[in-house]
C-alpha atoms as a PDB file:
ATOM      1  CA  SER A   1      30.404  13.515  18.997  1.00  0.00           C
ATOM      2  CA  PHE A   2      27.122  12.074  17.631  1.00  0.00           C
ATOM      3  CA  ALA A   3      28.896  11.264  14.429  1.00  0.00           C
ATOM      4  CA  THR A   4      30.546   8.289  16.103  1.00  0.00           C
ATOM      5  CA  MET A   5      27.537   7.324  18.234  1.00  0.00           C
ATOM      6  CA  THR A   6      27.228   3.580  18.912  1.00  0.00           C
ATOM      7  CA  ASP A   7      24.498   1.507  20.551  1.00  0.00           C
ATOM      8  CA  THR A   8      26.312   1.839  23.890  1.00  0.00           C
ATOM      9  CA  THR A   9      26.738   5.614  23.763  1.00  0.00           C
ATOM     10  CA  PRO A  10      24.148   7.780  25.573  1.00  0.00           C
ATOM     11  CA  LYS A  11      21.767   9.300  23.001  1.00  0.00           C
ATOM     12  CA  TYR A  12      22.201  12.745  24.483  1.00  0.00           C
ATOM     13  CA  SER A  13      25.399  13.939  26.066  1.00  0.00           C
ATOM     14  CA  PHE A  14      25.111  13.799  29.866  1.00  0.00           C
ATOM     15  CA  GLU A  15      27.843  14.784  32.328  1.00  0.00           C
ATOM     16  CA  ASN A  16      27.816  15.128  36.109  1.00  0.00           C
ATOM     17  CA  GLY A  17      24.082  14.785  36.288  1.00  0.00           C
ATOM     18  CA  LYS A  18      23.385  17.431  33.667  1.00  0.00           C
ATOM     19  CA  TYR A  19      22.735  17.515  29.918  1.00  0.00           C
ATOM     20  CA  VAL A  20      25.512  19.170  27.969  1.00  0.00           C
ATOM     21  CA  LEU A  21      25.836  20.765  24.518  1.00  0.00           C
ATOM     22  CA  PRO A  22      27.025  18.180  21.991  1.00  0.00           C
ATOM     23  CA  ALA A  23      30.065  18.950  19.914  1.00  0.00           C
ATOM     24  CA  LEU A  24      29.304  19.414  16.191  1.00  0.00           C
ATOM     25  CA  PRO A  25      30.788  16.728  13.901  1.00  0.00           C
ATOM     26  CA  TYR A  26      32.111  19.536  11.614  1.00  0.00           C
ATOM     27  CA  GLY A  27      33.256  23.127  11.804  1.00  0.00           C
ATOM     28  CA  TYR A  28      30.949  26.054  11.932  1.00  0.00           C
ATOM     29  CA  ASN A  29      32.021  27.205   8.430  1.00  0.00           C
ATOM     30  CA  ASP A  30      31.847  23.741   6.883  1.00  0.00           C
ATOM     31  CA  LEU A  31      28.214  24.048   5.676  1.00  0.00           C
ATOM     32  CA  GLU A  32      28.853  27.209   3.689  1.00  0.00           C
ATOM     33  CA  PRO A  33      27.510  28.528   1.392  1.00  0.00           C
ATOM     34  CA  SER A  34      24.217  26.687   2.263  1.00  0.00           C
ATOM     35  CA  ILE A  35      24.352  27.836   5.900  1.00  0.00           C
ATOM     36  CA  SER A  36      26.789  30.557   6.956  1.00  0.00           C
ATOM     37  CA  GLY A  37      29.355  29.947   9.715  1.00  0.00           C
ATOM     38  CA  GLU A  38      27.935  32.947  11.572  1.00  0.00           C
ATOM     39  CA  ILE A  39      24.514  31.333  11.718  1.00  0.00           C
ATOM     40  CA  MET A  40      25.869  27.920  12.711  1.00  0.00           C
ATOM     41  CA  GLU A  41      27.979  29.312  15.598  1.00  0.00           C
ATOM     42  CA  LEU A  42      25.105  31.460  16.900  1.00  0.00           C
ATOM     43  CA  HIS A  43      22.624  28.635  16.526  1.00  0.00           C
ATOM     44  CA  HIS A  44      24.788  26.097  18.258  1.00  0.00           C
ATOM     45  CA  LYS A  45      26.617  28.095  20.925  1.00  0.00           C
ATOM     46  CA  LYS A  46      23.813  30.365  21.895  1.00  0.00           C
ATOM     47  CA  HIS A  47      20.409  28.954  20.965  1.00  0.00           C
ATOM     48  CA  HIS A  48      21.071  25.268  21.549  1.00  0.00           C
ATOM     49  CA  GLN A  49      23.101  26.038  24.655  1.00  0.00           C
ATOM     50  CA  ALA A  50      20.159  28.091  26.005  1.00  0.00           C
ATOM     51  CA  TYR A  51      17.829  25.080  25.593  1.00  0.00           C
ATOM     52  CA  VAL A  52      20.312  22.898  27.458  1.00  0.00           C
ATOM     53  CA  ASN A  53      20.747  25.359  30.300  1.00  0.00           C
ATOM     54  CA  ASN A  54      17.022  25.904  30.670  1.00  0.00           C
ATOM     55  CA  LEU A  55      16.302  22.163  30.532  1.00  0.00           C
ATOM     56  CA  ASN A  56      18.788  21.509  33.321  1.00  0.00           C
ATOM     57  CA  ALA A  57      17.288  24.345  35.403  1.00  0.00           C
ATOM     58  CA  ALA A  58      13.756  23.044  34.981  1.00  0.00           C
ATOM     59  CA  LEU A  59      14.809  19.496  35.860  1.00  0.00           C
ATOM     60  CA  GLU A  60      16.486  20.792  39.057  1.00  0.00           C
ATOM     61  CA  LYS A  61      13.253  22.499  40.020  1.00  0.00           C
ATOM     62  CA  LEU A  62      11.294  19.358  39.163  1.00  0.00           C
ATOM     63  CA  GLU A  63      13.464  17.250  41.400  1.00  0.00           C
ATOM     64  CA  ALA A  64      12.923  19.740  44.303  1.00  0.00           C
ATOM     65  CA  ALA A  65       9.164  19.781  43.632  1.00  0.00           C
ATOM     66  CA  GLU A  66       8.992  16.004  43.621  1.00  0.00           C
ATOM     67  CA  LYS A  67      10.856  15.801  46.899  1.00  0.00           C
ATOM     68  CA  SER A  68       8.445  18.299  48.507  1.00  0.00           C
ATOM     69  CA  HIS A  69       5.441  16.633  46.860  1.00  0.00           C
ATOM     70  CA  ASP A  70       4.440  19.980  45.305  1.00  0.00           C
ATOM     71  CA  VAL A  71       2.165  18.697  42.584  1.00  0.00           C
ATOM     72  CA  GLU A  72       1.196  22.165  41.350  1.00  0.00           C
ATOM     73  CA  GLU A  73       4.859  23.001  40.722  1.00  0.00           C
ATOM     74  CA  ILE A  74       5.400  19.642  39.064  1.00  0.00           C
ATOM     75  CA  VAL A  75       2.518  20.350  36.657  1.00  0.00           C
ATOM     76  CA  ALA A  76       3.697  23.910  36.025  1.00  0.00           C
ATOM     77  CA  LEU A  77       7.181  22.756  35.059  1.00  0.00           C
ATOM     78  CA  GLN A  78       6.012  20.415  32.303  1.00  0.00           C
ATOM     79  CA  GLN A  79       5.833  23.118  29.629  1.00  0.00           C
ATOM     80  CA  ALA A  80       9.407  24.296  30.309  1.00  0.00           C
ATOM     81  CA  ILE A  81      10.638  20.716  30.199  1.00  0.00           C
ATOM     82  CA  LYS A  82       8.769  20.024  26.881  1.00  0.00           C
ATOM     83  CA  PHE A  83       9.978  23.267  25.267  1.00  0.00           C
ATOM     84  CA  ASN A  84      13.656  23.141  26.351  1.00  0.00           C
ATOM     85  CA  GLY A  85      13.932  19.406  26.315  1.00  0.00           C
ATOM     86  CA  GLY A  86      12.413  19.379  22.864  1.00  0.00           C
ATOM     87  CA  GLY A  87      14.832  22.073  21.791  1.00  0.00           C
ATOM     88  CA  HIS A  88      17.728  19.947  22.941  1.00  0.00           C
ATOM     89  CA  VAL A  89      16.364  16.774  21.282  1.00  0.00           C
ATOM     90  CA  ASN A  90      15.517  18.464  17.989  1.00  0.00           C
ATOM     91  CA  HIS A  91      18.825  20.323  17.591  1.00  0.00           C
ATOM     92  CA  SER A  92      20.832  17.219  18.546  1.00  0.00           C
ATOM     93  CA  ILE A  93      19.148  15.434  15.650  1.00  0.00           C
ATOM     94  CA  PHE A  94      19.457  18.472  13.342  1.00  0.00           C
ATOM     95  CA  TRP A  95      23.241  18.782  13.633  1.00  0.00           C
ATOM     96  CA  THR A  96      23.839  15.149  12.633  1.00  0.00           C
ATOM     97  CA  ASN A  97      21.218  15.359   9.835  1.00  0.00           C
ATOM     98  CA  LEU A  98      23.631  17.805   8.167  1.00  0.00           C
ATOM     99  CA  ALA A  99      27.112  17.344   6.777  1.00  0.00           C
ATOM    100  CA  PRO A 100      29.603  19.230   4.659  1.00  0.00           C
ATOM    101  CA  THR A 101      29.685  18.186   0.997  1.00  0.00           C
ATOM    102  CA  LYS A 102      33.183  16.811   1.534  1.00  0.00           C
ATOM    103  CA  GLN A 103      31.678  14.480   4.135  1.00  0.00           C
ATOM    104  CA  GLY A 104      28.825  13.337   1.916  1.00  0.00           C
ATOM    105  CA  GLY A 105      26.409  16.185   2.549  1.00  0.00           C
ATOM    106  CA  GLY A 106      23.874  16.406  -0.298  1.00  0.00           C
ATOM    107  CA  ALA A 107      24.704  12.962  -1.711  1.00  0.00           C
ATOM    108  CA  PRO A 108      21.325  11.311  -2.443  1.00  0.00           C
ATOM    109  CA  PRO A 109      19.900   8.546  -0.257  1.00  0.00           C
ATOM    110  CA  THR A 110      20.627   4.929  -1.027  1.00  0.00           C
ATOM    111  CA  GLY A 111      19.404   1.502   0.050  1.00  0.00           C
ATOM    112  CA  ASP A 112      16.115   0.992   1.900  1.00  0.00           C
ATOM    113  CA  LEU A 113      15.599   4.747   2.448  1.00  0.00           C
ATOM    114  CA  ALA A 114      15.889   5.548  -1.214  1.00  0.00           C
ATOM    115  CA  LYS A 115      13.511   2.705  -2.159  1.00  0.00           C
ATOM    116  CA  ARG A 116      10.898   3.913   0.412  1.00  0.00           C
ATOM    117  CA  ILE A 117      11.098   7.550  -0.800  1.00  0.00           C
ATOM    118  CA  GLU A 118      10.713   6.434  -4.402  1.00  0.00           C
ATOM    119  CA  ALA A 119       7.807   4.104  -3.551  1.00  0.00           C
ATOM    120  CA  GLN A 120       5.967   6.734  -1.552  1.00  0.00           C
ATOM    121  CA  TRP A 121       6.709   9.972  -3.456  1.00  0.00           C
ATOM    122  CA  GLY A 122       7.915   8.811  -6.843  1.00  0.00           C
ATOM    123  CA  SER A 123      11.306  10.528  -6.664  1.00  0.00           C
ATOM    124  CA  LEU A 124      13.655  12.401  -4.360  1.00  0.00           C
ATOM    125  CA  GLU A 125      12.800  15.659  -6.178  1.00  0.00           C
ATOM    126  CA  LYS A 126       9.098  15.103  -5.565  1.00  0.00           C
ATOM    127  CA  PHE A 127       9.754  14.270  -1.936  1.00  0.00           C
ATOM    128  CA  ILE A 128      11.772  17.492  -1.440  1.00  0.00           C
ATOM    129  CA  GLU A 129       9.005  19.484  -3.166  1.00  0.00           C
ATOM    130  CA  VAL A 130       6.352  18.085  -0.766  1.00  0.00           C
ATOM    131  CA  PHE A 131       8.638  18.426   2.273  1.00  0.00           C
ATOM    132  CA  ASN A 132       9.487  22.048   1.549  1.00  0.00           C
ATOM    133  CA  GLY A 133       5.869  22.897   0.879  1.00  0.00           C
ATOM    134  CA  LYS A 134       4.930  21.720   4.370  1.00  0.00           C
ATOM    135  CA  ALA A 135       7.945  23.200   6.121  1.00  0.00           C
ATOM    136  CA  ALA A 136       7.516  26.557   4.414  1.00  0.00           C
ATOM    137  CA  GLY A 137       3.914  26.593   5.600  1.00  0.00           C
ATOM    138  CA  VAL A 138       4.734  26.302   9.292  1.00  0.00           C
ATOM    139  CA  GLN A 139       3.140  29.309  10.958  1.00  0.00           C
ATOM    140  CA  GLY A 140       5.603  31.109  13.219  1.00  0.00           C
ATOM    141  CA  SER A 141       8.335  28.798  14.535  1.00  0.00           C
ATOM    142  CA  GLY A 142       8.668  25.053  14.241  1.00  0.00           C
ATOM    143  CA  TRP A 143      10.203  22.102  12.447  1.00  0.00           C
ATOM    144  CA  GLY A 144       9.710  20.153   9.217  1.00  0.00           C
ATOM    145  CA  TRP A 145      10.134  16.373   9.655  1.00  0.00           C
ATOM    146  CA  LEU A 146      10.589  13.102   7.865  1.00  0.00           C
ATOM    147  CA  GLY A 147       9.448  10.555  10.401  1.00  0.00           C
ATOM    148  CA  TYR A 148       8.812   6.847  10.531  1.00  0.00           C
ATOM    149  CA  ASN A 149       5.491   5.356  11.593  1.00  0.00           C
ATOM    150  CA  LYS A 150       6.100   2.021  13.298  1.00  0.00           C
ATOM    151  CA  GLU A 151       2.496   0.929  13.138  1.00  0.00           C
ATOM    152  CA  ASP A 152       2.179   0.932   9.363  1.00  0.00           C
ATOM    153  CA  ASP A 153       5.898   0.818   8.399  1.00  0.00           C
ATOM    154  CA  ARG A 154       5.737   4.002   6.379  1.00  0.00           C
ATOM    155  CA  LEU A 155       7.630   7.253   6.083  1.00  0.00           C
ATOM    156  CA  VAL A 156       5.750  10.466   6.987  1.00  0.00           C
ATOM    157  CA  ILE A 157       6.348  14.131   6.117  1.00  0.00           C
ATOM    158  CA  THR A 158       4.891  16.350   8.846  1.00  0.00           C
ATOM    159  CA  THR A 159       5.643  19.427  10.941  1.00  0.00           C
ATOM    160  CA  THR A 160       5.683  20.290  14.658  1.00  0.00           C
ATOM    161  CA  PRO A 161       5.200  23.751  16.223  1.00  0.00           C
ATOM    162  CA  ASN A 162       7.740  25.490  18.412  1.00  0.00           C
ATOM    163  CA  GLN A 163      10.180  22.894  19.846  1.00  0.00           C
ATOM    164  CA  ASP A 164       7.736  19.959  20.065  1.00  0.00           C
ATOM    165  CA  PRO A 165       9.693  16.776  19.351  1.00  0.00           C
ATOM    166  CA  LEU A 166       8.357  14.417  16.709  1.00  0.00           C
ATOM    167  CA  THR A 167       7.766  11.718  19.375  1.00  0.00           C
ATOM    168  CA  THR A 168       4.821  13.790  20.522  1.00  0.00           C
ATOM    169  CA  LEU A 169       3.115  12.537  17.343  1.00  0.00           C
ATOM    170  CA  ASN A 170       4.182   8.911  17.956  1.00  0.00           C
ATOM    171  CA  LEU A 171       6.645   9.103  15.070  1.00  0.00           C
ATOM    172  CA  VAL A 172      10.341   8.263  15.077  1.00  0.00           C
ATOM    173  CA  PRO A 173      12.392  11.298  13.842  1.00  0.00           C
ATOM    174  CA  LEU A 174      14.645  10.578  10.872  1.00  0.00           C
ATOM    175  CA  LEU A 175      15.292  14.043   9.463  1.00  0.00           C
ATOM    176  CA  GLY A 176      14.378  17.366  11.041  1.00  0.00           C
ATOM    177  CA  ILE A 177      14.759  20.768   9.417  1.00  0.00           C
ATOM    178  CA  ASP A 178      14.616  23.770  11.726  1.00  0.00           C
ATOM    179  CA  VAL A 179      12.388  26.524  10.367  1.00  0.00           C
ATOM    180  CA  TRP A 180      12.725  28.902  13.306  1.00  0.00           C
ATOM    181  CA  GLU A 181      13.998  32.245  11.970  1.00  0.00           C
ATOM    182  CA  HIS A 182      17.160  31.945  14.088  1.00  0.00           C
ATOM    183  CA  ALA A 183      18.140  29.031  11.731  1.00  0.00           C
ATOM    184  CA  TYR A 184      18.253  31.225   8.592  1.00  0.00           C
ATOM    185  CA  TYR A 185      17.364  34.886   9.114  1.00  0.00           C
ATOM    186  CA  LEU A 186      20.898  36.347   9.109  1.00  0.00           C
ATOM    187  CA  GLN A 187      21.504  34.867   5.701  1.00  0.00           C
ATOM    188  CA  TYR A 188      18.111  34.401   4.058  1.00  0.00           C
ATOM    189  CA  LYS A 189      16.171  37.219   5.856  1.00  0.00           C
ATOM    190  CA  ASN A 190      12.460  36.303   5.831  1.00  0.00           C
ATOM    191  CA  VAL A 191      12.597  34.154   2.717  1.00  0.00           C
ATOM    192  CA  ARG A 192      12.215  30.753   4.278  1.00  0.00           C
ATOM    193  CA  PRO A 193      11.729  28.947   0.908  1.00  0.00           C
ATOM    194  CA  ASP A 194      15.216  29.995  -0.203  1.00  0.00           C
ATOM    195  CA  TYR A 195      16.728  28.476   2.995  1.00  0.00           C
ATOM    196  CA  LEU A 196      14.726  25.265   2.426  1.00  0.00           C
ATOM    197  CA  LYS A 197      15.901  25.074  -1.164  1.00  0.00           C
ATOM    198  CA  ALA A 198      19.588  25.460  -0.212  1.00  0.00           C
ATOM    199  CA  ILE A 199      19.717  23.133   2.824  1.00  0.00           C
ATOM    200  CA  TRP A 200      19.322  19.921   0.781  1.00  0.00           C
ATOM    201  CA  THR A 201      22.904  20.411  -0.511  1.00  0.00           C
ATOM    202  CA  VAL A 202      24.093  19.623   2.986  1.00  0.00           C
ATOM    203  CA  VAL A 203      21.562  17.007   4.217  1.00  0.00           C
ATOM    204  CA  ASN A 204      23.328  13.955   5.541  1.00  0.00           C
ATOM    205  CA  TRP A 205      21.270  11.172   4.058  1.00  0.00           C
ATOM    206  CA  ALA A 206      23.662   8.594   5.468  1.00  0.00           C
ATOM    207  CA  ASP A 207      22.626   9.692   8.985  1.00  0.00           C
ATOM    208  CA  VAL A 208      18.940   9.569   7.976  1.00  0.00           C
ATOM    209  CA  SER A 209      19.467   6.032   6.645  1.00  0.00           C
ATOM    210  CA  ARG A 210      21.172   5.017   9.874  1.00  0.00           C
ATOM    211  CA  ARG A 211      18.259   6.230  11.873  1.00  0.00           C
ATOM    212  CA  LEU A 212      15.793   4.372   9.681  1.00  0.00           C
ATOM    213  CA  SER A 213      17.752   1.090   9.711  1.00  0.00           C
ATOM    214  CA  ALA A 214      18.162   1.402  13.514  1.00  0.00           C
ATOM    215  CA  VAL A 215      14.411   1.734  14.088  1.00  0.00           C
ATOM    216  CA  THR A 216      13.401  -0.930  11.561  1.00  0.00           C
ATOM    217  CA  LYS A 217      15.760  -3.229  13.461  1.00  0.00           C
ATOM    218  CA  ASN A 218      14.309  -1.965  16.812  1.00  0.00           C
ATOM    219  CA  LYS A 219      17.568  -0.346  17.912  1.00  0.00           C
ATOM    220  CA  LEU A 220      16.518   3.363  18.128  1.00  0.00           C
END
């Protein structure tokens, strides 16, 4: 699983020439009551699996189009690759950004990450307030992000629409919160702010810190 990822492990699970759904580093029910087991199972086994399946299908078509030098088909496939590939990338990050409380979920950040959050936002509470404000304001479907800007060595709170990965904004993803309705509707109905308030009790700040230290050491 991604929970034991090392520098020599492929970033995204890949078997027999195809991307595969990663195993979760915890059980479907382990994030309750913040996120219900029903939502987690549906989100992982159905939604994420669909992105993986559709990404593989698009890449097969792309390979065929490249072999036949069909430039129109190559161009036409880019949106499907971006959408489904982004869905795979984003969810793969999301699962490891979360953890049950018994595995450290909700424990506040420490070290360099904590210092940066305090320096830029004043406190973790203020950071969460700003983050939730931006994520709640996403129109339709999308993601709330804490990213790292390599150029100015700063953290950034931002959002992306649909399944656009954060790399499309030239930022390194550290923490992504899914605000598509499929991530919360069965439990929180249409009240996205309640979901955003609850999810911080299972955010895996140790994983976020690992991602930050990896990029600041040029390993990610």
